[in-house]
């Protein structure tokens, strides 16, 4: 649905529109996008300027009884793009009495020419005015996850506090909203969600998983091929490490277990990662500017670890949190 525009803003920004786009806006304002003949309230004519045009639209004016006049800088039988003889163009541009008569006569043909040009453009733009009822539009919106839901479906199990739209409320999730298992997709998603352009995700972590294997005799077993010794096996690909990059100590507080961004990150990973994939969160804290700390100051108990270190740190301090620590909060 076209967003509402006040007439003053529309007239002021008319030159920023493509000609057919602006004409579509005017027709949508009048709810006449499917009309066959040119509406009586609309006047289409070329601009009488002979200078090089900087846009498709020269001017949009509103007259009495909510009539609109659109002046274009191309096509037409007079103006800079006209095929008519030059002496006709000069008379029209100078706005003489003869020029006014010539322009009034040529506007009879300009009206139909501009309107037929727009209808021809619509022939090759079948989705410009299709709306949400078009089957192809519904299929695209269903894939992208922005298919509007009827009020009855949206209100199921809800409190009805969501903002209402015209006849429809809410949006369904589409096929593109399903869980993404690609490492690159997870990395880009986290970079955008956490505003950390240097975030990196790696999957070269070794994870030990339990295995239960019975060794029957006479099955041509081969160690390292179809059998193994022990109750655990090391695999790669079932754990990822998310490196947040170099961040400040204040920023780290949000990513500690229980922090605001830690809870947000845990919820994102729960939705995007497969069930059996675990994760670790790593970060480097800038040493410069870290305040010195004293043991047993003001009777407060301090814990050895983040953010307390013994000695003088000469490089960035590395922190790492497991998925269990994130899920416990």
Protein backbone atom coordinates (compact mmCIF):
# COMPACT_ATOMS: atom_id res chain seq x y z
CA UNK A 1 0.00 0.00 0.00
CA UNK A 2 1.25 3.46 -0.89
CA UNK A 3 2.22 5.46 2.15
CA UNK A 4 0.25 8.60 2.74
CA UNK A 5 1.70 11.87 1.45
CA UNK A 6 0.36 15.33 2.04
CA UNK A 7 -0.18 17.38 -1.10
CA UNK A 8 2.38 20.01 -0.12
CA UNK A 9 5.18 17.45 0.20
CA UNK A 10 4.14 15.79 -3.03
CA UNK A 11 4.28 19.05 -4.99
CA UNK A 12 7.59 20.04 -3.42
CA UNK A 13 9.27 16.72 -4.26
CA UNK A 14 7.66 16.14 -7.66
CA UNK A 15 10.95 16.60 -9.54
CA UNK A 16 12.48 13.72 -7.57
CA UNK A 17 9.96 11.23 -8.99
CA UNK A 18 10.10 9.23 -12.17
CA UNK A 19 7.26 10.30 -14.45
CA UNK A 20 5.33 7.03 -14.33
CA UNK A 21 6.01 6.67 -10.61
CA UNK A 22 4.52 10.11 -9.87
CA UNK A 23 1.53 9.41 -12.07
CA UNK A 24 0.94 6.17 -10.18
CA UNK A 25 1.07 8.08 -6.89
CA UNK A 26 -1.61 10.51 -8.10
CA UNK A 27 -3.83 7.67 -9.28
CA UNK A 28 -3.42 5.82 -5.99
CA UNK A 29 -4.37 8.94 -4.06
CA UNK A 30 -7.64 8.95 -6.00
CA UNK A 31 -7.98 5.14 -5.87
CA UNK A 32 -8.13 5.02 -9.67
CA UNK A 33 -5.11 2.89 -10.58
CA UNK A 34 -7.16 0.57 -12.79
CA UNK A 35 -9.03 3.20 -14.84
CA UNK A 36 -8.94 2.81 -18.62
CA UNK A 37 -9.39 6.43 -19.71
CA UNK A 38 -7.63 9.49 -18.37
CA UNK A 39 -9.52 10.97 -15.39
CA UNK A 40 -11.04 14.40 -15.87
CA UNK A 41 -9.21 15.79 -12.81
CA UNK A 42 -5.79 15.06 -14.37
CA UNK A 43 -4.04 17.27 -16.94
CA UNK A 44 -0.90 16.00 -18.68
CA UNK A 45 1.21 18.37 -20.73
CA UNK A 46 4.85 19.05 -21.61
CA UNK A 47 6.86 21.88 -20.13
CA UNK A 48 7.43 24.82 -22.48
CA UNK A 49 11.03 25.20 -21.34
CA UNK A 50 13.76 24.76 -23.97
CA UNK A 51 16.63 24.27 -21.53
CA UNK A 52 18.23 20.90 -20.84
CA UNK A 53 15.99 19.05 -18.32
CA UNK A 54 17.39 17.79 -15.04
CA UNK A 55 14.44 15.48 -14.29
CA UNK A 56 11.50 13.81 -15.98
CA UNK A 57 8.99 16.00 -14.17
CA UNK A 58 9.17 19.80 -14.36
CA UNK A 59 6.28 20.76 -12.13
CA UNK A 60 3.20 19.41 -10.36
CA UNK A 61 0.42 21.85 -9.49
CA UNK A 62 -2.93 21.49 -7.78
CA UNK A 63 -5.85 23.56 -9.02
CA UNK A 64 -9.45 24.06 -8.00
CA UNK A 65 -11.71 21.11 -7.15
CA UNK A 66 -8.61 19.01 -6.38
CA UNK A 67 -7.52 18.96 -10.04
CA UNK A 68 -3.88 18.14 -10.78
CA UNK A 69 -1.62 19.26 -13.62
CA UNK A 70 1.59 17.36 -14.38
CA UNK A 71 4.22 18.92 -16.64
CA UNK A 72 6.86 16.60 -18.11
CA UNK A 73 10.21 17.50 -19.66
CA UNK A 74 10.17 14.81 -22.36
CA UNK A 75 7.92 13.67 -25.19
CA UNK A 76 5.07 16.05 -26.09
CA UNK A 77 4.55 18.26 -29.13
CA UNK A 78 6.29 21.32 -27.68
CA UNK A 79 9.15 21.81 -25.27
CA UNK A 80 12.77 20.73 -25.40
CA UNK A 81 12.02 17.18 -26.62
CA UNK A 82 9.37 18.06 -29.22
CA UNK A 83 9.62 17.02 -32.90
CA UNK A 84 7.72 20.13 -34.08
CA UNK A 85 9.45 23.00 -35.97
CA UNK A 86 11.51 25.39 -33.89
CA UNK A 87 9.39 28.47 -34.63
CA UNK A 88 6.43 26.76 -32.97
CA UNK A 89 8.51 26.09 -29.88
CA UNK A 90 9.68 29.70 -29.62
CA UNK A 91 6.13 31.03 -29.79
CA UNK A 92 4.99 28.68 -27.03
CA UNK A 93 8.03 29.42 -24.84
CA UNK A 94 7.61 33.19 -25.21
CA UNK A 95 3.99 32.78 -24.07
CA UNK A 96 2.69 35.08 -26.77
CA UNK A 97 -0.93 35.12 -27.88
CA UNK A 98 -0.10 32.99 -30.88
CA UNK A 99 1.92 30.67 -28.67
CA UNK A 100 -0.97 30.21 -26.24
CA UNK A 101 -3.24 29.21 -29.12
CA UNK A 102 -0.66 26.78 -30.47
CA UNK A 103 -0.12 25.23 -27.01
CA UNK A 104 -3.86 24.87 -26.40
CA UNK A 105 -4.26 23.12 -29.75
CA UNK A 106 -1.29 20.80 -29.24
CA UNK A 107 -2.41 19.95 -25.69
CA UNK A 108 -5.41 18.18 -27.20
CA UNK A 109 -2.99 15.59 -28.58
CA UNK A 110 -0.56 15.79 -25.66
CA UNK A 111 -3.25 14.63 -23.22
CA UNK A 112 -3.88 11.37 -25.05
CA UNK A 113 -0.23 10.84 -25.97
CA UNK A 114 1.01 11.06 -22.37
CA UNK A 115 -1.83 8.90 -21.08
CA UNK A 116 -1.29 6.21 -23.73
CA UNK A 117 2.42 6.29 -22.93
CA UNK A 118 1.65 5.56 -19.29
CA UNK A 119 -0.80 2.77 -20.16
CA UNK A 120 1.87 1.25 -22.44
CA UNK A 121 4.34 1.39 -19.56
CA UNK A 122 1.81 -0.40 -17.32
CA UNK A 123 1.58 -3.22 -19.87
CA UNK A 124 5.19 -4.11 -19.11
CA UNK A 125 4.85 -3.47 -15.36
CA UNK A 126 2.16 -6.00 -14.39
CA UNK A 127 3.15 -5.96 -10.72
CA UNK A 128 3.18 -2.16 -10.28
CA UNK A 129 -0.46 -2.12 -9.16
CA UNK A 130 -0.98 -5.80 -8.40
CA UNK A 131 -1.33 -5.34 -4.64
CA UNK A 132 -1.35 -8.09 -2.01
CA UNK A 133 -4.19 -9.98 -3.70
CA UNK A 134 -2.02 -10.98 -6.67
CA UNK A 135 -0.95 -14.63 -6.56
CA UNK A 136 2.65 -13.92 -7.59
CA UNK A 137 2.94 -11.18 -4.97
CA UNK A 138 1.57 -13.56 -2.33
CA UNK A 139 4.15 -16.18 -3.26
CA UNK A 140 7.02 -13.67 -3.08
CA UNK A 141 5.82 -12.30 0.25
CA UNK A 142 5.42 -15.81 1.63
CA UNK A 143 9.04 -16.58 0.75
CA UNK A 144 10.37 -13.32 2.18
CA UNK A 145 8.29 -13.62 5.35
CA UNK A 146 6.16 -10.50 4.99
CA UNK A 147 2.83 -11.99 3.98
CA UNK A 148 0.06 -10.04 5.79
CA UNK A 149 -2.17 -12.18 7.97
CA UNK A 150 -5.92 -11.67 8.37
CA UNK A 151 -7.07 -10.27 11.69
CA UNK A 152 -8.66 -13.56 12.77
CA UNK A 153 -5.41 -15.53 12.34
CA UNK A 154 -3.24 -12.87 13.96
CA UNK A 155 -5.51 -12.58 17.00
CA UNK A 156 -5.28 -16.29 17.82
CA UNK A 157 -3.56 -16.55 21.17
CA UNK A 158 -2.71 -12.83 21.31
CA UNK A 159 -3.82 -9.99 23.51
CA UNK A 160 -4.88 -7.82 20.60
CA UNK A 161 -2.41 -5.08 21.53
CA UNK A 162 -0.58 -5.11 18.20
CA UNK A 163 -1.03 -2.05 15.99
CA UNK A 164 -3.79 -2.53 13.46
CA UNK A 165 -3.54 -1.92 9.73
CA UNK A 166 -6.21 -1.54 7.10
CA UNK A 167 -8.01 -4.87 7.12
CA UNK A 168 -4.96 -6.90 8.12
CA UNK A 169 -2.65 -7.29 11.09
CA UNK A 170 0.74 -8.88 11.55
CA UNK A 171 3.10 -10.75 9.25
CA UNK A 172 3.81 -14.43 8.85
CA UNK A 173 7.27 -15.96 8.75
CA UNK A 174 8.41 -17.12 5.33
CA UNK A 175 10.74 -19.75 3.94
CA UNK A 176 13.69 -17.37 4.18
CA UNK A 177 13.06 -17.06 7.92
CA UNK A 178 13.90 -20.71 8.60
CA UNK A 179 17.03 -21.68 10.47
CA UNK A 180 20.24 -21.06 8.57
CA UNK A 181 22.95 -23.69 9.06
CA UNK A 182 25.62 -22.03 6.94
CA UNK A 183 28.60 -20.68 8.88
CA UNK A 184 28.77 -17.58 6.66
CA UNK A 185 25.08 -16.80 7.26
CA UNK A 186 25.47 -17.08 11.04
CA UNK A 187 28.54 -14.84 10.97
CA UNK A 188 26.86 -12.11 8.90
CA UNK A 189 23.70 -12.32 11.00
CA UNK A 190 25.64 -11.83 14.25
CA UNK A 191 27.71 -8.98 12.80
CA UNK A 192 24.55 -7.12 11.87
CA UNK A 193 22.61 -7.94 15.05
CA UNK A 194 25.44 -7.04 17.45
CA UNK A 195 26.96 -4.19 15.39
CA UNK A 196 30.38 -5.87 15.52
CA UNK A 197 31.94 -5.72 12.03
CA UNK A 198 35.06 -7.63 13.15
CA UNK A 199 33.15 -10.59 14.59
CA UNK A 200 34.42 -13.95 13.31
CA UNK A 201 32.88 -17.43 13.50
CA UNK A 202 35.00 -20.56 13.12
CA UNK A 203 34.01 -24.22 13.12
CA UNK A 204 37.41 -25.89 13.47
CA UNK A 205 36.78 -26.81 17.11
CA UNK A 206 37.20 -30.43 18.19
CA UNK A 207 34.31 -31.78 20.23
CA UNK A 208 34.19 -35.10 22.06
CA UNK A 209 30.92 -37.00 21.72
CA UNK A 210 29.78 -40.23 23.32
CA UNK A 211 29.46 -43.30 21.14
CA UNK A 212 27.90 -46.68 21.85
CA UNK A 213 29.23 -49.39 19.60
CA UNK A 214 28.90 -53.14 19.89
CA UNK A 215 31.68 -55.16 18.29
CA UNK A 216 30.22 -58.37 16.81
CA UNK A 217 32.61 -61.05 15.62
CA UNK A 218 32.96 -61.97 11.98
CA UNK A 219 32.05 -58.57 10.52
CA UNK A 220 35.45 -57.77 8.95
CA UNK A 221 36.03 -54.93 11.38
CA UNK A 222 38.94 -52.58 10.72
CA UNK A 223 40.24 -50.14 13.31
CA UNK A 224 39.94 -46.59 12.01
CA UNK A 225 37.62 -47.62 9.19
CA UNK A 226 34.40 -49.05 10.55
CA UNK A 227 35.23 -49.41 14.22
CA UNK A 228 37.01 -47.64 17.07
CA UNK A 229 38.21 -48.24 20.60
CA UNK A 230 36.71 -46.46 23.60
CA UNK A 231 33.39 -44.80 24.37
CA UNK A 232 34.10 -41.32 22.96
CA UNK A 233 35.12 -39.96 19.59
CA UNK A 234 36.45 -36.55 18.53
CA UNK A 235 34.53 -34.80 15.76
CA UNK A 236 34.80 -31.45 13.99
CA UNK A 237 31.75 -29.46 12.94
CA UNK A 238 29.53 -29.82 16.00
CA UNK A 239 30.93 -26.78 17.80
CA UNK A 240 31.67 -23.21 16.73
CA UNK A 241 33.63 -20.39 18.30
CA UNK A 242 32.37 -16.82 18.04
CA UNK A 243 35.17 -14.29 18.38
CA UNK A 244 33.76 -10.85 19.17
CA UNK A 245 37.07 -9.16 18.37
CA UNK A 246 38.81 -6.51 20.46
CA UNK A 247 36.31 -4.71 22.72
CA UNK A 248 36.48 -2.47 25.76
CA UNK A 249 36.01 -3.65 29.34
CA UNK A 250 32.69 -1.80 29.59
CA UNK A 251 31.50 -3.50 26.42
CA UNK A 252 32.55 -6.87 27.79
CA UNK A 253 30.19 -6.51 30.76
CA UNK A 254 27.22 -6.76 28.38
CA UNK A 255 28.55 -10.03 26.93
CA UNK A 256 29.23 -11.73 30.25
CA UNK A 257 26.73 -14.44 31.23
CA UNK A 258 23.60 -12.68 32.42
CA UNK A 259 24.37 -9.46 30.53
CA UNK A 260 21.88 -7.82 28.21
CA UNK A 261 23.73 -8.63 24.99
CA UNK A 262 24.64 -12.07 26.30
CA UNK A 263 20.96 -12.98 26.64
CA UNK A 264 20.26 -11.52 23.21
CA UNK A 265 23.14 -13.46 21.66
CA UNK A 266 22.03 -16.69 23.34
CA UNK A 267 18.49 -16.31 21.97
CA UNK A 268 19.81 -15.69 18.44
CA UNK A 269 22.05 -18.75 18.53
CA UNK A 270 19.26 -20.89 19.92
CA UNK A 271 17.10 -20.00 16.92
CA UNK A 272 19.79 -20.25 14.23
CA UNK A 273 22.00 -23.17 15.26
CA UNK A 274 21.01 -26.83 14.92
CA UNK A 275 20.20 -28.65 18.13
CA UNK A 276 23.47 -30.61 18.50
CA UNK A 277 25.81 -27.69 17.76
CA UNK A 278 27.44 -26.05 20.78
CA UNK A 279 29.28 -22.75 20.86
CA UNK A 280 31.87 -20.71 22.73
CA UNK A 281 32.13 -16.94 22.96
CA UNK A 282 35.57 -15.35 22.87
CA UNK A 283 36.64 -11.72 23.21
CA UNK A 284 39.81 -9.67 23.59
CA UNK A 285 39.76 -6.78 26.06
CA UNK A 286 41.92 -3.72 25.51
CA UNK A 287 44.46 -3.39 28.34
CA UNK A 288 44.97 0.35 27.97
CA UNK A 289 42.79 2.32 30.32
CA UNK A 290 41.98 -0.57 32.67
CA UNK A 291 41.84 0.79 36.24
CA UNK A 292 44.22 -0.74 38.81
CA UNK A 293 42.57 -3.02 41.37
CA UNK A 294 43.49 -3.71 44.97
CA UNK A 295 42.74 -6.84 46.95
CA UNK A 296 40.23 -6.58 49.82
CA UNK A 297 39.30 -2.94 49.28
CA UNK A 298 36.37 -1.64 51.29
CA UNK A 299 35.60 -5.10 52.56
CA UNK A 300 34.48 -6.35 49.14
CA UNK A 301 35.24 -9.92 48.14
CA UNK A 302 37.02 -10.19 44.81
CA UNK A 303 37.12 -13.27 42.60
CA UNK A 304 40.22 -14.26 40.67
CA UNK A 305 39.30 -14.18 37.00
CA UNK A 306 37.28 -11.72 34.94
CA UNK A 307 37.87 -8.88 35.37
CA UNK A 308 40.70 -9.37 37.94
CA UNK A 309 44.21 -10.38 36.94
CA UNK A 310 47.40 -10.65 38.95
CA UNK A 311 50.45 -8.78 37.77
CA UNK A 312 50.75 -6.24 34.99
CA UNK A 313 49.11 -7.19 31.73
CA UNK A 314 51.26 -6.44 28.70
CA UNK A 315 48.77 -7.45 26.03
CA UNK A 316 45.06 -7.79 25.47
CA UNK A 317 43.28 -10.10 27.89
CA UNK A 318 41.40 -13.02 26.34
CA UNK A 319 38.01 -14.06 27.73
CA UNK A 320 35.98 -17.10 26.78
CA UNK A 321 32.48 -18.17 27.81
CA UNK A 322 30.77 -21.49 27.13
CA UNK A 323 27.23 -22.05 25.95
CA UNK A 324 26.40 -23.65 29.32
CA UNK A 325 27.28 -20.43 31.15
CA UNK A 326 25.05 -18.47 28.74
CA UNK A 327 22.13 -20.86 29.08
CA UNK A 328 22.21 -20.86 32.90
CA UNK A 329 20.97 -17.27 33.02
